[in-house]
Amino acid sequence: MILSSREILRRLGEQGTDGTLVIRPYGNECQQPASYDLRVAEETCLHPGFCTLVHSLEWVELPADLAATIRTRSSYGRRGVLVTAGFVDPGFRGQLTLGLVNMGSDVIRLEKNDRVVQMILHEILGAGQTYEGRYQDSSGVVRAR
């Protein structure tokens, strides 16, 4: 099941409780009906035909019963931007490194705080194992390890 904005806000409102959802800093303008827009943390240029790594402004913590899919927002998709590695496991903590590929013909300039991708939160049935991999507690752009 995909979480609605009401459920995302309810989960965020449980701050200080173990197993809660964390999106920090949270921006009201980023909340969508069934997703949350992630902002880029710094300005960069996406050159045609290249994959550029950028990181989200937001620090995200997913509880054991939530996973996330990362998708390009339609306004950037229409310009040819695709996002790679678009799944976040339950239990992940950190800033998300986004691989953005510009399939268009023009250079696309991203400014800090631009909402480029959306995070869709999914409830996990029978939650169990959580992420404890090498990208846990990521800060800034993290290249492949």
C-alpha atoms as a PDB file:
ATOM      1  CA  MET A   1       0.000   0.000   0.000  1.00  0.00           C
ATOM      2  CA  ILE A   2       1.221   3.510  -0.854  1.00  0.00           C
ATOM      3  CA  LEU A   3       1.029   6.051   1.960  1.00  0.00           C
ATOM      4  CA  SER A   4      -1.216   9.080   1.470  1.00  0.00           C
ATOM      5  CA  SER A   5      -0.193  12.570   2.545  1.00  0.00           C
ATOM      6  CA  ARG A   6      -2.377  12.181   5.636  1.00  0.00           C
ATOM      7  CA  GLU A   7      -0.578   8.973   6.626  1.00  0.00           C
ATOM      8  CA  ILE A   8       2.860  10.473   5.906  1.00  0.00           C
ATOM      9  CA  LEU A   9       2.032  13.426   8.170  1.00  0.00           C
ATOM     10  CA  ARG A  10       0.690  11.099  10.870  1.00  0.00           C
ATOM     11  CA  ARG A  11       3.901   9.051  10.766  1.00  0.00           C
ATOM     12  CA  LEU A  12       6.042  12.204  10.898  1.00  0.00           C
ATOM     13  CA  GLY A  13       4.009  13.458  13.858  1.00  0.00           C
ATOM     14  CA  GLU A  14       5.158  10.507  15.959  1.00  0.00           C
ATOM     15  CA  GLN A  15       8.675  11.977  16.318  1.00  0.00           C
ATOM     16  CA  GLY A  16      10.557  10.669  19.315  1.00  0.00           C
ATOM     17  CA  THR A  17       8.919   7.255  19.105  1.00  0.00           C
ATOM     18  CA  ASP A  18      10.978   4.262  17.989  1.00  0.00           C
ATOM     19  CA  GLY A  19      10.149   3.146  14.469  1.00  0.00           C
ATOM     20  CA  THR A  20       8.872   6.490  13.188  1.00  0.00           C
ATOM     21  CA  LEU A  21       9.329   8.112   9.822  1.00  0.00           C
ATOM     22  CA  VAL A  22      11.828  11.016   9.706  1.00  0.00           C
ATOM     23  CA  ILE A  23      12.144  13.578   6.891  1.00  0.00           C
ATOM     24  CA  ARG A  24      14.340  16.467   8.004  1.00  0.00           C
ATOM     25  CA  PRO A  25      14.055  19.281   7.078  1.00  0.00           C
ATOM     26  CA  TYR A  26      10.399  18.831   6.194  1.00  0.00           C
ATOM     27  CA  GLY A  27       8.841  21.315   3.756  1.00  0.00           C
ATOM     28  CA  ASN A  28       5.079  21.739   3.387  1.00  0.00           C
ATOM     29  CA  GLU A  29       5.568  22.618  -0.285  1.00  0.00           C
ATOM     30  CA  CYS A  30       7.141  19.185  -0.841  1.00  0.00           C
ATOM     31  CA  GLN A  31       4.162  17.189   0.453  1.00  0.00           C
ATOM     32  CA  GLN A  32       2.103  15.733  -2.385  1.00  0.00           C
ATOM     33  CA  PRO A  33      -1.130  13.666  -2.202  1.00  0.00           C
ATOM     34  CA  ALA A  34       0.738  10.323  -2.263  1.00  0.00           C
ATOM     35  CA  SER A  35       4.443  11.218  -2.218  1.00  0.00           C
ATOM     36  CA  TYR A  36       7.023  13.645  -0.872  1.00  0.00           C
ATOM     37  CA  ASP A  37       9.272  15.710  -3.176  1.00  0.00           C
ATOM     38  CA  LEU A  38      12.966  15.542  -2.335  1.00  0.00           C
ATOM     39  CA  ARG A  39      15.118  18.621  -2.871  1.00  0.00           C
ATOM     40  CA  VAL A  40      18.700  18.713  -4.119  1.00  0.00           C
ATOM     41  CA  ALA A  41      21.196  19.975  -1.535  1.00  0.00           C
ATOM     42  CA  GLU A  42      23.424  21.947  -3.881  1.00  0.00           C
ATOM     43  CA  GLU A  43      23.475  23.497  -7.309  1.00  0.00           C
ATOM     44  CA  THR A  44      24.798  21.468 -10.213  1.00  0.00           C
ATOM     45  CA  CYS A  45      24.441  21.025 -13.958  1.00  0.00           C
ATOM     46  CA  LEU A  46      23.121  17.899 -15.649  1.00  0.00           C
ATOM     47  CA  HIS A  47      24.959  17.492 -18.939  1.00  0.00           C
ATOM     48  CA  PRO A  48      23.329  15.576 -21.791  1.00  0.00           C
ATOM     49  CA  GLY A  49      24.190  11.881 -21.818  1.00  0.00           C
ATOM     50  CA  PHE A  50      25.801  11.793 -18.362  1.00  0.00           C
ATOM     51  CA  CYS A  51      24.857  10.497 -14.930  1.00  0.00           C
ATOM     52  CA  THR A  52      25.429  13.096 -12.223  1.00  0.00           C
ATOM     53  CA  LEU A  53      25.357  12.205  -8.526  1.00  0.00           C
ATOM     54  CA  VAL A  54      23.616  14.677  -6.244  1.00  0.00           C
ATOM     55  CA  HIS A  55      22.325  14.239  -2.726  1.00  0.00           C
ATOM     56  CA  SER A  56      19.013  15.079  -1.185  1.00  0.00           C
ATOM     57  CA  LEU A  57      18.716  18.019   1.162  1.00  0.00           C
ATOM     58  CA  GLU A  58      16.568  15.809   3.382  1.00  0.00           C
ATOM     59  CA  TRP A  59      17.813  13.322   5.935  1.00  0.00           C
ATOM     60  CA  VAL A  60      15.448  10.344   5.734  1.00  0.00           C
ATOM     61  CA  GLU A  61      14.874   7.546   8.251  1.00  0.00           C
ATOM     62  CA  LEU A  62      12.545   4.723   7.296  1.00  0.00           C
ATOM     63  CA  PRO A  63      11.066   2.470   9.981  1.00  0.00           C
ATOM     64  CA  ALA A  64      11.012  -1.320   9.562  1.00  0.00           C
ATOM     65  CA  ASP A  65       7.541  -1.279   8.004  1.00  0.00           C
ATOM     66  CA  LEU A  66       8.229   1.286   5.233  1.00  0.00           C
ATOM     67  CA  ALA A  67      10.213   1.209   1.986  1.00  0.00           C
ATOM     68  CA  ALA A  68      10.449   3.948  -0.635  1.00  0.00           C
ATOM     69  CA  THR A  69      10.557   4.240  -4.396  1.00  0.00           C
ATOM     70  CA  ILE A  70      12.317   7.271  -5.890  1.00  0.00           C
ATOM     71  CA  ARG A  71      10.933   8.621  -9.164  1.00  0.00           C
ATOM     72  CA  THR A  72      11.723  11.665 -11.276  1.00  0.00           C
ATOM     73  CA  ARG A  73       9.092  14.399 -10.941  1.00  0.00           C
ATOM     74  CA  SER A  74       7.160  14.731 -14.188  1.00  0.00           C
ATOM     75  CA  SER A  75       8.339  18.306 -14.851  1.00  0.00           C
ATOM     76  CA  TYR A  76      11.942  17.029 -15.014  1.00  0.00           C
ATOM     77  CA  GLY A  77      10.999  13.777 -16.741  1.00  0.00           C
ATOM     78  CA  ARG A  78       9.525  15.823 -19.582  1.00  0.00           C
ATOM     79  CA  ARG A  79      12.955  17.414 -19.987  1.00  0.00           C
ATOM     80  CA  GLY A  80      14.639  14.004 -20.224  1.00  0.00           C
ATOM     81  CA  VAL A  81      15.861  13.533 -16.632  1.00  0.00           C
ATOM     82  CA  LEU A  82      15.826   9.986 -15.275  1.00  0.00           C
ATOM     83  CA  VAL A  83      16.757   8.822 -11.777  1.00  0.00           C
ATOM     84  CA  THR A  84      18.771   5.634 -11.213  1.00  0.00           C
ATOM     85  CA  ALA A  85      18.800   3.311  -8.187  1.00  0.00           C
ATOM     86  CA  GLY A  86      15.290   4.225  -7.150  1.00  0.00           C
ATOM     87  CA  PHE A  87      14.578   1.966  -4.153  1.00  0.00           C
ATOM     88  CA  VAL A  88      15.178   2.617  -0.439  1.00  0.00           C
ATOM     89  CA  ASP A  89      15.032  -0.336   1.955  1.00  0.00           C
ATOM     90  CA  PRO A  90      13.246  -0.361   5.314  1.00  0.00           C
ATOM     91  CA  GLY A  91      15.540   0.855   8.101  1.00  0.00           C
ATOM     92  CA  PHE A  92      17.630   3.166   5.885  1.00  0.00           C
ATOM     93  CA  ARG A  93      18.953   6.348   7.530  1.00  0.00           C
ATOM     94  CA  GLY A  94      20.719   9.179   5.765  1.00  0.00           C
ATOM     95  CA  GLN A  95      20.714  11.584   2.867  1.00  0.00           C
ATOM     96  CA  LEU A  96      19.881   9.898  -0.423  1.00  0.00           C
ATOM     97  CA  THR A  97      22.408   9.921  -3.257  1.00  0.00           C
ATOM     98  CA  LEU A  98      20.490  10.437  -6.494  1.00  0.00           C
ATOM     99  CA  GLY A  99      21.931   9.357  -9.831  1.00  0.00           C
ATOM    100  CA  LEU A 100      20.354  11.765 -12.332  1.00  0.00           C
ATOM    101  CA  VAL A 101      20.761  11.041 -16.043  1.00  0.00           C
ATOM    102  CA  ASN A 102      20.043  13.764 -18.584  1.00  0.00           C
ATOM    103  CA  MET A 103      18.692  12.065 -21.714  1.00  0.00           C
ATOM    104  CA  GLY A 104      17.762  15.409 -23.284  1.00  0.00           C
ATOM    105  CA  SER A 105      19.858  17.611 -25.519  1.00  0.00           C
ATOM    106  CA  ASP A 106      20.130  20.679 -23.260  1.00  0.00           C
ATOM    107  CA  VAL A 107      22.187  21.255 -20.113  1.00  0.00           C
ATOM    108  CA  ILE A 108      19.816  21.360 -17.132  1.00  0.00           C
ATOM    109  CA  ARG A 109      20.830  23.584 -14.247  1.00  0.00           C
ATOM    110  CA  LEU A 110      19.663  22.554 -10.781  1.00  0.00           C
ATOM    111  CA  GLU A 111      19.558  25.082  -7.963  1.00  0.00           C
ATOM    112  CA  LYS A 112      19.758  24.182  -4.278  1.00  0.00           C
ATOM    113  CA  ASN A 113      16.258  23.277  -3.010  1.00  0.00           C
ATOM    114  CA  ASP A 114      14.921  22.330  -6.466  1.00  0.00           C
ATOM    115  CA  ARG A 115      12.374  19.511  -6.108  1.00  0.00           C
ATOM    116  CA  VAL A 116      13.643  17.036  -8.720  1.00  0.00           C
ATOM    117  CA  VAL A 117      12.480  13.626  -7.482  1.00  0.00           C
ATOM    118  CA  GLN A 118       9.576  12.285  -5.450  1.00  0.00           C
ATOM    119  CA  MET A 119       9.711   9.654  -2.741  1.00  0.00           C
ATOM    120  CA  ILE A 120       6.762   7.263  -2.698  1.00  0.00           C
ATOM    121  CA  LEU A 121       6.407   5.453   0.622  1.00  0.00           C
ATOM    122  CA  HIS A 122       5.157   1.854   0.681  1.00  0.00           C
ATOM    123  CA  GLU A 123       4.017  -0.148   3.683  1.00  0.00           C
ATOM    124  CA  ILE A 124       5.786  -3.502   4.110  1.00  0.00           C
ATOM    125  CA  LEU A 125       3.593  -6.385   5.208  1.00  0.00           C
ATOM    126  CA  GLY A 126       5.184  -8.655   7.803  1.00  0.00           C
ATOM    127  CA  ALA A 127       8.101  -6.293   8.331  1.00  0.00           C
ATOM    128  CA  GLY A 128      11.246  -7.953   9.559  1.00  0.00           C
ATOM    129  CA  GLN A 129      14.796  -7.386   8.388  1.00  0.00           C
ATOM    130  CA  THR A 130      15.992  -3.796   8.024  1.00  0.00           C
ATOM    131  CA  TYR A 131      18.798  -2.232   6.015  1.00  0.00           C
ATOM    132  CA  GLU A 132      22.221  -2.275   7.684  1.00  0.00           C
ATOM    133  CA  GLY A 133      24.356  -1.935   4.554  1.00  0.00           C
ATOM    134  CA  ARG A 134      27.345   0.161   3.630  1.00  0.00           C
ATOM    135  CA  TYR A 135      25.300   3.273   2.765  1.00  0.00           C
ATOM    136  CA  GLN A 136      23.696   3.548   6.224  1.00  0.00           C
ATOM    137  CA  ASP A 137      23.972   7.052   7.736  1.00  0.00           C
ATOM    138  CA  SER A 138      25.035   8.557   4.387  1.00  0.00           C
ATOM    139  CA  SER A 139      25.837  12.241   4.361  1.00  0.00           C
ATOM    140  CA  GLY A 140      26.444  14.064   1.088  1.00  0.00           C
ATOM    141  CA  VAL A 141      27.082  12.277  -2.194  1.00  0.00           C
ATOM    142  CA  VAL A 142      28.268   8.719  -1.622  1.00  0.00           C
ATOM    143  CA  ARG A 143      29.866   6.997  -4.615  1.00  0.00           C
ATOM    144  CA  ALA A 144      29.610   3.250  -5.199  1.00  0.00           C
ATOM    145  CA  ARG A 145      31.511   1.313  -2.574  1.00  0.00           C
END
